[in-house]
Protein backbone atom coordinates (compact mmCIF):
# COMPACT_ATOMS: atom_id res chain seq x y z
CA MET A 1 27.22 49.81 29.05
CA SER A 2 30.15 47.39 28.61
CA SER A 3 29.87 46.24 32.24
CA GLN A 4 26.13 45.61 31.79
CA ILE A 5 26.79 43.62 28.62
CA ALA A 6 29.46 41.60 30.43
CA ALA A 7 27.01 40.79 33.26
CA HIS A 8 24.40 39.53 30.79
CA ILE A 9 27.00 37.42 28.98
CA ARG A 10 28.13 35.75 32.23
CA ARG A 11 24.58 34.47 32.72
CA ARG A 12 24.45 32.73 29.31
CA ARG A 13 24.90 28.96 28.85
CA THR A 14 24.92 27.67 25.28
CA PHE A 15 25.27 23.91 24.93
CA ALA A 16 24.37 20.82 22.92
CA ILE A 17 23.72 17.18 23.77
CA ILE A 18 25.73 14.58 21.87
CA SER A 19 25.02 10.85 21.82
CA HIS A 20 24.61 7.71 19.77
CA PRO A 21 21.06 7.15 18.44
CA ASP A 22 18.68 5.65 21.03
CA ALA A 23 20.77 6.67 24.03
CA GLY A 24 17.87 8.88 25.15
CA LYS A 25 19.02 12.31 23.95
CA THR A 26 15.63 13.70 23.02
CA THR A 27 14.13 12.31 26.23
CA LEU A 28 16.82 14.05 28.32
CA THR A 29 16.24 17.26 26.37
CA GLU A 30 12.55 17.12 27.21
CA LYS A 31 13.23 16.46 30.89
CA ILE A 32 15.65 19.38 31.11
CA LEU A 33 12.85 21.59 29.76
CA LEU A 34 10.46 20.08 32.31
CA TYR A 35 12.72 20.76 35.28
CA ALA A 36 13.58 24.24 34.02
CA GLY A 37 9.86 25.07 33.97
CA ALA A 38 9.82 25.63 30.21
CA ILE A 39 7.11 22.97 29.79
CA HIS A 40 4.63 21.49 32.27
CA LEU A 41 4.31 17.94 30.94
CA ALA A 42 7.07 16.02 29.25
CA GLY A 43 6.32 14.38 25.91
CA SER A 44 7.42 10.92 24.88
CA ILE A 45 9.43 10.23 21.76
CA LYS A 46 8.45 6.55 21.76
CA SER A 47 4.67 6.67 21.91
CA ARG A 48 2.65 7.99 19.02
CA ARG A 49 -0.37 7.95 21.32
CA ALA A 50 1.24 10.29 23.85
CA ASP A 51 -0.68 13.31 25.09
CA ARG A 52 1.85 15.56 23.40
CA HIS A 53 5.03 15.31 21.36
CA VAL A 54 8.52 16.25 22.42
CA SER A 55 9.28 19.95 22.03
CA SER A 56 12.48 19.48 20.05
CA ASP A 57 10.97 17.14 17.43
CA TRP A 58 8.60 19.52 15.68
CA MET A 59 8.86 18.34 12.06
CA ALA A 60 6.16 16.00 10.72
CA ILE A 61 8.62 13.26 9.79
CA GLU A 62 10.20 13.39 13.25
CA ARG A 63 6.83 12.89 14.89
CA GLU A 64 5.81 10.13 12.51
CA ARG A 65 9.04 8.12 12.72
CA GLY A 66 10.22 8.96 16.24
CA ILE A 67 13.64 10.22 15.11
CA SER A 68 15.39 13.59 15.13
CA VAL A 69 16.42 14.67 11.64
CA THR A 70 17.27 18.34 12.17
CA SER A 71 18.81 20.48 14.86
CA SER A 72 16.41 22.53 16.95
CA VAL A 73 16.97 25.51 19.23
CA LEU A 74 15.46 25.52 22.72
CA GLN A 75 15.89 28.63 24.86
CA PHE A 76 14.75 29.00 28.46
CA PRO A 77 15.71 30.66 31.77
CA TYR A 78 16.84 28.58 34.73
CA GLU A 79 17.83 29.83 38.20
CA GLY A 80 19.34 33.10 37.03
CA THR A 81 20.89 31.78 33.82
CA GLN A 82 19.67 32.02 30.24
CA CYS A 83 20.07 28.59 28.62
CA ASN A 84 20.40 28.00 24.90
CA LEU A 85 20.08 24.25 24.30
CA LEU A 86 20.87 23.21 20.73
CA ASP A 87 19.34 19.79 20.18
CA THR A 88 21.07 17.80 17.44
CA PRO A 89 20.19 14.73 15.35
CA GLY A 90 21.89 11.56 16.55
CA HIS A 91 21.91 9.68 13.25
CA ALA A 92 25.22 9.75 11.35
CA ASP A 93 23.49 10.73 8.10
CA PHE A 94 22.75 14.13 9.66
CA GLY A 95 26.27 14.61 11.01
CA GLU A 96 26.81 17.78 9.01
CA ASP A 97 23.89 19.49 10.74
CA THR A 98 25.25 18.34 14.11
CA TYR A 99 28.74 19.60 13.31
CA ARG A 100 27.46 23.04 12.33
CA THR A 101 25.46 23.21 15.54
CA LEU A 102 28.47 22.31 17.67
CA LEU A 103 30.26 25.32 16.17
CA ALA A 104 27.69 27.50 17.94
CA THR A 105 28.07 25.95 21.42
CA ASP A 106 30.30 26.62 24.42
CA SER A 107 29.90 23.21 26.09
CA ALA A 108 28.32 19.80 25.52
CA ILE A 109 26.54 17.07 27.43
CA MET A 110 27.76 13.62 26.39
CA LEU A 111 24.92 11.16 26.94
CA LEU A 112 25.79 7.48 27.38
CA ASP A 113 23.57 4.41 27.54
CA ASN A 114 24.22 2.67 30.87
CA ALA A 115 24.31 -0.75 29.17
CA LYS A 116 26.25 0.16 26.00
CA GLY A 117 28.79 2.73 27.11
CA ILE A 118 30.84 4.40 24.36
CA GLU A 119 29.28 3.81 20.94
CA ALA A 120 30.51 4.74 17.47
CA ARG A 121 28.46 7.91 17.01
CA THR A 122 29.34 9.16 20.48
CA ARG A 123 33.02 8.64 19.78
CA LYS A 124 32.85 10.60 16.52
CA LEU A 125 30.98 13.53 18.09
CA PHE A 126 33.33 13.56 21.06
CA ASP A 127 36.24 13.86 18.61
CA VAL A 128 34.60 17.00 17.19
CA CYS A 129 34.31 18.42 20.72
CA ARG A 130 37.95 17.56 21.37
CA LEU A 131 38.97 19.26 18.11
CA ARG A 132 37.18 22.44 19.15
CA LYS A 133 38.19 22.11 22.84
CA ILE A 134 34.55 22.10 23.94
CA PRO A 135 34.16 21.22 27.66
CA VAL A 136 32.12 18.02 28.03
CA VAL A 137 29.90 16.94 30.92
CA THR A 138 28.83 13.27 30.91
CA PHE A 139 25.38 11.95 31.85
CA VAL A 140 25.09 8.16 32.13
CA ASN A 141 21.47 7.43 31.22
CA LYS A 142 19.08 4.50 31.71
CA CYS A 143 20.36 3.62 35.18
CA ASP A 144 16.86 2.28 35.87
CA ARG A 145 17.92 -0.72 33.77
CA GLU A 146 20.64 -3.27 34.28
CA GLY A 147 23.88 -2.09 32.75
CA MET A 148 27.64 -1.98 32.97
CA ASP A 149 29.39 -1.81 36.31
CA PRO A 150 29.86 1.95 36.94
CA LEU A 151 33.59 1.60 37.61
CA SER A 152 34.04 -0.35 34.38
CA LEU A 153 32.08 2.31 32.50
CA LEU A 154 34.32 5.07 33.85
CA SER A 155 37.38 3.05 32.86
CA SER A 156 36.08 2.60 29.31
CA ILE A 157 35.46 6.35 28.96
CA GLU A 158 39.03 7.10 29.98
CA GLN A 159 40.59 4.40 27.81
CA GLU A 160 38.50 4.91 24.66
CA LEU A 161 38.19 8.70 24.70
CA GLY A 162 41.39 9.66 26.48
CA ILE A 163 39.67 11.96 28.97
CA ALA A 164 39.81 11.80 32.78
CA THR A 165 36.51 11.16 34.59
CA VAL A 166 35.29 12.62 37.88
CA PRO A 167 32.00 11.10 39.09
CA VAL A 168 29.97 13.84 40.76
CA ASN A 169 27.36 11.38 42.03
CA TRP A 170 27.01 7.60 42.24
CA PRO A 171 24.04 5.34 41.46
CA MET A 172 22.27 3.57 44.33
CA ARG A 173 20.41 0.33 43.80
CA THR A 174 18.32 -2.02 45.89
CA ALA A 175 16.71 -5.36 45.12
CA ARG A 176 13.87 -3.44 43.47
CA GLY A 177 16.17 -1.42 41.23
CA PHE A 178 17.55 2.09 40.86
CA VAL A 179 16.41 4.34 43.70
CA GLY A 180 18.63 7.41 43.51
CA VAL A 181 22.11 8.87 43.51
CA TYR A 182 24.67 9.72 46.16
CA ASP A 183 26.13 13.24 45.87
CA ARG A 184 29.86 12.91 46.59
CA GLU A 185 30.41 16.60 47.32
CA ARG A 186 27.39 17.12 49.53
CA ARG A 187 27.73 13.68 51.14
CA GLU A 188 24.01 13.06 50.89
CA ALA A 189 21.69 10.57 49.21
CA GLN A 190 19.10 11.86 46.77
CA LEU A 191 16.22 9.40 46.52
CA PHE A 192 13.50 9.47 43.87
CA SER A 193 10.07 8.00 43.26
CA GLY A 194 8.37 8.02 39.88
CA GLY A 195 5.81 10.50 38.64
CA ARG A 196 3.13 9.74 36.04
CA HIS A 197 5.07 7.61 33.53
CA GLY A 198 8.02 9.98 33.80
CA THR A 199 6.08 12.93 32.36
CA GLU A 200 5.97 14.82 35.66
CA ILE A 201 8.66 15.93 38.09
CA ALA A 202 9.74 13.02 40.28
CA ASP A 203 9.32 13.20 44.05
CA GLU A 204 12.68 13.62 45.79
CA THR A 205 13.91 12.85 49.30
CA VAL A 206 17.33 13.88 50.59
CA LEU A 207 19.01 11.86 53.36
CA ALA A 208 22.20 12.93 55.06
CA ASP A 209 25.07 10.46 55.08
CA GLY A 210 24.67 8.28 58.15
CA ASP A 211 20.89 8.60 58.32
CA PRO A 212 19.51 5.22 59.51
CA ALA A 213 16.80 5.48 56.86
CA LEU A 214 19.47 5.15 54.15
CA ALA A 215 20.84 1.95 55.66
CA GLU A 216 17.31 0.59 55.97
CA LEU A 217 16.55 1.39 52.33
CA LEU A 218 19.73 -0.03 50.81
CA GLY A 219 20.15 -3.02 53.12
CA ASP A 220 23.49 -4.32 54.33
CA ARG A 221 24.76 -5.36 50.92
CA GLY A 222 23.61 -2.24 49.11
CA LEU A 223 25.12 0.03 51.74
CA SER A 224 28.37 -1.95 51.73
CA ASP A 225 28.62 -1.69 47.92
CA LEU A 226 28.03 2.06 48.06
CA ARG A 227 30.62 2.59 50.81
CA GLY A 228 33.20 0.48 48.97
CA ALA A 229 32.76 2.39 45.72
CA LEU A 230 32.95 5.79 47.42
CA GLU A 231 36.11 4.86 49.34
CA LEU A 232 37.77 3.67 46.13
CA LEU A 233 36.84 6.87 44.29
CA ASP A 234 38.08 9.05 47.16
CA ALA A 235 41.38 7.18 47.35
CA ALA A 236 42.20 6.58 43.68
CA GLY A 237 39.97 8.90 41.64
CA ASP A 238 40.82 12.32 40.23
CA ALA A 239 39.69 15.47 41.97
CA PHE A 240 37.69 17.91 39.87
CA GLU A 241 39.91 20.63 38.36
CA PRO A 242 38.00 23.45 36.62
CA ALA A 243 40.94 24.36 34.37
CA ARG A 244 41.25 20.79 33.07
CA PHE A 245 37.49 20.59 32.50
CA LEU A 246 37.44 23.84 30.52
CA ALA A 247 40.40 22.60 28.47
CA GLY A 248 38.48 19.42 27.55
CA GLU A 249 40.84 17.17 29.55
CA GLN A 250 38.42 16.11 32.29
CA THR A 251 34.70 15.31 32.31
CA PRO A 252 32.39 15.40 35.36
CA VAL A 253 30.13 12.32 35.31
CA PHE A 254 26.53 12.11 36.51
CA PHE A 255 24.29 9.04 36.74
CA GLY A 256 20.52 9.04 36.29
CA SER A 257 17.50 8.05 34.24
CA ALA A 258 15.88 10.54 31.89
CA ALA A 259 12.89 8.24 31.31
CA THR A 260 11.95 8.18 35.01
CA ASN A 261 13.31 11.69 35.79
CA PHE A 262 15.65 10.21 38.41
CA GLY A 263 18.70 12.42 38.82
CA VAL A 264 17.67 15.05 36.27
CA ARG A 265 17.16 17.95 38.70
CA PRO A 266 20.52 17.57 40.51
CA PHE A 267 22.22 17.15 37.15
CA LEU A 268 20.67 20.32 35.70
CA ARG A 269 21.53 22.40 38.77
CA ARG A 270 25.17 21.35 38.73
CA PHE A 271 25.48 21.57 34.97
CA VAL A 272 24.55 25.27 34.79
CA ASP A 273 27.18 25.92 37.49
CA LEU A 274 29.85 23.91 35.67
CA ALA A 275 29.14 24.97 32.10
CA PRO A 276 31.15 28.01 30.94
CA SER A 277 29.66 31.29 29.86
CA PRO A 278 30.29 32.32 26.22
CA SER A 279 33.89 31.90 25.13
CA ASP A 280 36.09 33.47 22.46
CA ARG A 281 35.16 32.82 18.85
CA VAL A 282 37.65 32.25 16.03
CA THR A 283 37.71 34.80 13.22
CA ARG A 284 39.88 34.72 10.15
CA SER A 285 42.34 37.07 11.83
CA GLY A 286 42.30 35.77 15.42
CA ALA A 287 40.11 35.36 18.49
CA LEU A 288 37.13 37.61 19.27
CA ARG A 289 36.23 38.05 22.92
CA PRO A 290 32.46 37.95 23.64
CA ALA A 291 32.42 41.26 25.53
CA ALA A 292 34.93 43.08 23.35
CA GLY A 293 33.53 46.60 23.52
CA ALA A 294 29.89 47.03 22.59
CA ALA A 295 30.09 45.89 18.96
CA PHE A 296 27.54 43.26 17.99
CA SER A 297 28.65 40.26 15.94
CA GLY A 298 27.29 36.81 15.18
CA PHE A 299 27.28 34.07 12.58
CA VAL A 300 24.59 32.03 10.84
CA PHE A 301 24.96 28.34 11.71
CA LYS A 302 21.56 27.06 10.57
CA ILE A 303 18.73 27.95 8.20
CA GLN A 304 15.32 26.35 8.55
CA ALA A 305 12.45 26.72 6.10
CA ASN A 306 8.80 25.95 6.74
CA MET A 307 8.80 25.88 10.53
CA ASP A 308 5.30 27.26 9.99
CA PRO A 309 4.24 25.55 6.72
CA SER A 310 1.09 27.65 6.40
CA HIS A 311 3.24 30.78 6.03
CA ARG A 312 6.23 29.29 4.15
CA ASP A 313 8.49 31.05 6.62
CA ARG A 314 12.26 30.80 6.83
CA LEU A 315 14.47 31.47 9.85
CA ALA A 316 18.22 32.03 9.91
CA PHE A 317 19.64 30.96 13.28
CA VAL A 318 22.43 33.25 14.46
CA ARG A 319 24.77 32.61 17.37
CA VAL A 320 25.51 35.99 18.96
CA CYS A 321 29.28 36.11 19.51
CA SER A 322 29.91 39.55 20.99
CA GLY A 323 28.13 42.65 22.14
CA ARG A 324 24.41 43.34 22.28
CA PHE A 325 21.63 42.87 19.73
CA THR A 326 18.71 45.30 19.71
CA LYS A 327 15.57 44.99 17.64
CA GLY A 328 15.71 46.99 14.43
CA MET A 329 19.48 47.43 14.40
CA SER A 330 21.36 47.44 11.09
CA VAL A 331 24.26 45.08 10.49
CA ARG A 332 26.57 44.30 7.60
CA ILE A 333 27.23 40.96 5.96
CA PRO A 334 30.80 40.97 4.58
CA ARG A 335 29.89 38.42 1.90
CA ALA A 336 27.20 40.70 0.47
CA ASP A 337 28.83 43.97 1.62
CA LYS A 338 25.52 45.64 2.29
CA PRO A 339 23.52 46.68 5.36
CA VAL A 340 20.62 44.58 6.61
CA ARG A 341 18.03 45.76 9.13
CA LEU A 342 17.16 43.10 11.71
CA ALA A 343 13.52 43.98 12.25
CA ASN A 344 12.16 40.55 13.17
CA ALA A 345 14.16 38.36 15.53
CA PHE A 346 12.78 35.60 17.72
CA GLN A 347 13.70 33.45 20.67
CA VAL A 348 12.48 29.93 19.98
CA LEU A 349 11.42 26.81 21.84
CA GLY A 350 11.11 24.17 19.12
CA ARG A 351 8.46 25.60 16.82
CA ASP A 352 7.18 28.17 19.31
CA ARG A 353 8.67 31.65 19.16
CA VAL A 354 8.70 34.96 21.03
CA GLN A 355 9.88 38.23 19.52
CA VAL A 356 13.18 39.45 20.97
CA GLU A 357 13.96 43.07 21.85
CA GLU A 358 17.58 42.44 22.84
CA ALA A 359 20.09 39.60 23.08
CA PHE A 360 23.68 39.08 24.15
CA ALA A 361 26.71 36.93 23.35
CA GLY A 362 25.79 33.27 23.73
CA ASP A 363 22.16 33.79 22.74
CA VAL A 364 20.67 32.33 19.57
CA LEU A 365 18.43 34.49 17.39
CA GLY A 366 15.94 33.24 14.83
CA LEU A 367 15.96 35.95 12.15
CA VAL A 368 13.05 36.05 9.73
CA ASP A 369 14.60 35.66 6.27
CA THR A 370 11.71 36.05 3.84
CA ASN A 371 13.97 37.40 1.09
CA ARG A 372 16.59 34.66 1.57
CA LEU A 373 19.38 37.12 2.37
CA PHE A 374 21.35 34.89 4.70
CA ARG A 375 23.51 31.85 4.06
CA ILE A 376 25.03 29.33 6.43
CA GLY A 377 28.37 30.70 7.61
CA ASP A 378 27.51 34.38 7.12
CA THR A 379 29.02 36.85 9.59
CA LEU A 380 26.81 39.69 10.87
CA SER A 381 28.29 42.76 12.54
CA ASP A 382 27.42 46.37 13.35
CA GLY A 383 31.13 47.23 13.41
CA GLU A 384 34.26 46.18 11.59
CA ALA A 385 34.43 42.62 12.91
CA GLU A 386 36.41 40.16 10.83
CA PRO A 387 34.41 37.30 9.27
CA PHE A 388 34.26 34.22 11.45
CA ALA A 389 35.97 31.01 10.40
CA ALA A 390 34.13 29.31 7.55
CA VAL A 391 31.56 26.60 8.23
CA PRO A 392 32.82 23.61 6.18
CA ARG A 393 30.62 21.23 4.24
CA PHE A 394 30.92 17.46 4.39
CA ALA A 395 31.85 15.70 1.16
CA PRO A 396 28.66 13.90 0.00
CA GLU A 397 28.68 10.15 -0.57
CA VAL A 398 25.17 9.43 -1.91
CA PHE A 399 23.92 10.84 -5.24
CA ALA A 400 20.56 10.71 -6.98
CA THR A 401 18.46 12.42 -9.63
CA VAL A 402 15.12 13.95 -8.67
CA ARG A 403 12.11 14.42 -10.94
CA PRO A 404 8.52 15.35 -10.19
CA ALA A 405 5.85 12.68 -10.39
CA GLU A 406 3.74 15.29 -12.23
CA PRO A 407 5.72 17.41 -14.74
CA ILE A 408 3.48 20.39 -14.02
CA ARG A 409 4.99 20.50 -10.48
CA ARG A 410 8.58 20.87 -11.74
CA ARG A 411 8.87 24.54 -10.79
CA HIS A 412 7.61 23.82 -7.28
CA MET A 413 10.09 20.94 -7.00
CA LEU A 414 13.03 23.12 -8.06
CA ASP A 415 12.04 25.87 -5.64
CA GLY A 416 11.79 23.32 -2.82
CA LEU A 417 15.15 21.79 -3.71
CA ARG A 418 16.82 25.20 -3.71
CA GLN A 419 15.41 26.09 -0.32
CA LEU A 420 16.36 22.75 1.23
CA ALA A 421 19.86 23.02 -0.26
CA GLU A 422 20.20 26.48 1.33
CA GLU A 423 19.32 24.86 4.66
CA GLY A 424 22.15 22.40 4.17
CA ALA A 425 19.71 19.47 4.10
CA VAL A 426 21.23 18.30 0.79
CA GLN A 427 23.67 19.60 -1.80
CA LEU A 428 22.36 20.43 -5.26
CA PHE A 429 24.19 19.91 -8.57
CA GLN A 430 23.30 20.41 -12.23
CA ARG A 431 24.87 18.78 -15.29
CA ARG A 432 27.26 21.17 -17.04
CA ASP A 433 26.49 22.50 -20.52
CA GLN A 434 23.07 20.82 -20.65
CA GLY A 435 19.51 22.05 -20.67
CA PRO A 436 16.87 21.74 -17.95
CA ILE A 437 17.30 18.07 -17.08
CA ASP A 438 16.70 16.40 -13.76
CA PRO A 439 18.83 17.99 -11.02
CA ILE A 440 21.24 15.86 -8.98
CA VAL A 441 21.06 15.89 -5.21
CA ALA A 442 23.88 14.74 -2.97
CA ALA A 443 23.85 13.76 0.69
CA VAL A 444 26.10 12.29 3.34
CA GLY A 445 23.71 9.37 3.92
CA ALA A 446 20.70 7.70 2.31
CA LEU A 447 18.33 8.70 5.13
CA GLN A 448 18.76 12.34 4.09
CA LEU A 449 17.19 11.50 0.73
CA GLU A 450 14.22 9.87 2.47
CA VAL A 451 13.73 13.05 4.48
CA LEU A 452 14.11 15.13 1.31
CA LYS A 453 11.35 13.16 -0.44
CA HIS A 454 9.07 13.44 2.59
CA ARG A 455 9.59 17.19 2.93
CA LEU A 456 9.03 17.88 -0.77
CA GLU A 457 5.76 15.98 -0.59
CA ASN A 458 4.56 17.49 2.70
CA GLU A 459 5.96 21.03 2.61
CA TYR A 460 5.90 21.73 -1.13
CA ALA A 461 3.00 19.48 -2.19
CA THR A 462 5.23 17.85 -4.79
CA ALA A 463 5.58 14.07 -5.10
CA VAL A 464 8.95 13.11 -6.58
CA HIS A 465 10.85 10.11 -7.87
CA ILE A 466 14.40 9.74 -6.54
CA GLU A 467 16.79 7.47 -8.43
CA HIS A 468 20.25 6.71 -7.11
CA ILE A 469 23.16 7.07 -9.52
CA GLY A 470 26.43 5.17 -9.31
CA TYR A 471 28.78 7.72 -7.80
CA SER A 472 30.28 7.96 -4.32
CA HIS A 473 32.64 10.96 -4.50
CA ALA A 474 32.18 14.63 -5.35
CA ARG A 475 35.28 16.75 -5.84
CA TRP A 476 35.41 20.46 -6.56
CA VAL A 477 37.99 20.84 -9.31
CA VAL A 478 40.32 23.80 -9.75
CA GLY A 479 42.30 24.23 -12.96
CA ALA A 480 42.17 25.55 -16.50
CA GLU A 481 38.98 24.73 -18.41
CA ALA A 482 40.88 22.66 -20.98
CA GLU A 483 42.37 20.58 -18.19
CA LEU A 484 39.01 20.05 -16.51
CA ARG A 485 37.45 18.72 -19.72
CA ARG A 486 39.96 15.86 -19.76
CA VAL A 487 39.04 14.70 -16.25
CA GLY A 488 36.74 11.65 -16.26
CA GLY A 489 33.55 11.18 -14.28
CA MET A 490 30.33 13.19 -14.51
CA LYS A 491 30.82 16.95 -14.89
CA VAL A 492 28.40 19.01 -12.80
CA GLU A 493 28.15 22.45 -11.21
CA ASP A 494 27.18 23.36 -7.66
CA ASP A 495 24.58 26.00 -6.86
CA GLU A 496 27.20 28.74 -7.29
CA GLY A 497 28.26 27.51 -10.74
CA ARG A 498 31.57 26.05 -9.53
CA PRO A 499 32.80 22.98 -11.44
CA VAL A 500 32.51 19.61 -9.69
CA VAL A 501 33.29 16.10 -10.88
CA LEU A 502 31.43 13.02 -9.62
CA LEU A 503 33.49 9.82 -9.45
CA GLN A 504 32.39 6.24 -8.90
CA ASP A 505 34.77 5.02 -6.20
CA ASP A 506 38.16 5.40 -4.48
CA TRP A 507 39.95 3.84 -7.43
CA ALA A 508 38.44 6.33 -9.90
CA LEU A 509 39.38 9.23 -7.64
CA GLY A 510 42.95 8.00 -7.25
CA TRP A 511 43.28 7.48 -11.00
CA ALA A 512 42.01 11.01 -11.73
CA GLU A 513 44.44 12.53 -9.24
CA ARG A 514 47.39 10.61 -10.71
CA GLN A 515 46.50 11.33 -14.32
CA HIS A 516 45.84 15.04 -13.77
CA PRO A 517 48.36 16.42 -11.25
CA GLU A 518 47.72 19.91 -12.64
CA VAL A 519 44.12 19.79 -11.30
CA LYS A 520 43.19 20.25 -7.64
CA PHE A 521 40.51 17.85 -6.38
CA LEU A 522 38.93 19.42 -3.27
CA ALA A 523 36.61 17.55 -0.88
CA THR A 524 34.74 20.77 -0.10
CA SER A 525 33.93 23.90 -2.07
CA PRO A 526 36.79 26.41 -2.49
CA ALA A 527 34.49 28.90 -0.73
CA ASP A 528 34.37 26.67 2.37
CA GLN A 529 38.03 26.95 3.33
CA PRO A 530 39.71 25.40 5.14
CA ALA A 531 38.90 22.67 2.64
CA GLN A 532 38.89 19.76 5.08
CA ASP A 533 36.14 17.31 5.82
CA PRO A 534 35.65 17.67 9.61
CA ARG A 535 34.92 13.94 9.82
CA ALA A 536 38.63 13.36 9.26
CA ALA A 537 39.39 14.95 12.63
């Protein structure tokens, strides 16, 4: 049985796409699904009049505003592998959701805009990958438009991110624009022509190096530019070294255009070969190998309510870390110290789902959680596996009170807030030692509060008023009760009843720390150790 489990695990690829907003991440996600055969017609994130919407953006607000505001799980087979693509929001306000999702991946695709290169959000997400030693493959997008010189772009990646680049292919252009890529390993040109507005698979033609048709297509200047670039890369560029790639020291680079589908198929084929199968996971007592015996283990990295609003459902997304899952098996959650039977588990593609009979390390399960048993960060195991490393929370920076537009809807509002807080969409606080007054919500960015308002109105039929309050720091405080009462700021409790103080600015925080050295001011909950904001990495 162990050898069979190991064979299944070797076929798994679990990865995310990281990028700055508007680099084309959701478009590339959709085209990967198209070329994998998971969908038959690619949607468009830009057009509200499109025939269909992108698979990864299934929430109403995502479809209305053309942005991704929550991670989604997309699972599909491709040429003998089982792919688990975890699509993440690009906007910085949803960075906590992205960070949690990256904890569940084994590799990442770094998507760059051909004209803009390394942007702030990309740099921050790359730092998270570096911290976790996640292998990164780079896809330079929008090559159908004018952009940076490819050699200059490679140089900027190396200088700004400190990682060696190895271009796997090279863009080819003529007077009429981007026509294809040259595969450096195969020594062949891959030419493309557009499908119906990029929604269908592009026609491809492969020409061997030296084929007269290639010289005729590119012209003297185009062919000369291609030859010059290839000679320079062969003479001065790094050779691909698998060990350096897996250590996060080297990134293979591909060029293409997700919008036109140019270069997507060759990229996908090579990516599933390059990307590693499931790797060791960190527990509180050491590393856990994915095929260690037959014991099943996994951890909850995401909770999503109302994927089907008509049924008020709730799914807990679990990354399988070792062993084999079977439908109906019983597992233990160390936090709760009680058995749980996993009777309903699904494989998902955006909102669509298929019931799963078995799964292996690297797979992602959507567990039906009607009774709200699971929490983000929970470890599940059918053996004696140690709990996995805690999933930290970001320190919030935006605070507001929430009250229902109609007082009669208060109970519905509170229920919605609790469920969305359990998802990690916001953090929820209540004033200490006071009656049922308006709850306080906290978020990393203001856009999260817009999404909160929209979801309360659309998923819980409760219109609300959100009023910002003048605080920018939340600190969990540890000390004797008499000491805590002397600390300034607003005294609140989190959803577990732990004391928190809200402070107006950096000066107020510094003053409190100096005046009360006997009190610990933690940026994350004591239950989320190590208590470090991952954005500081």
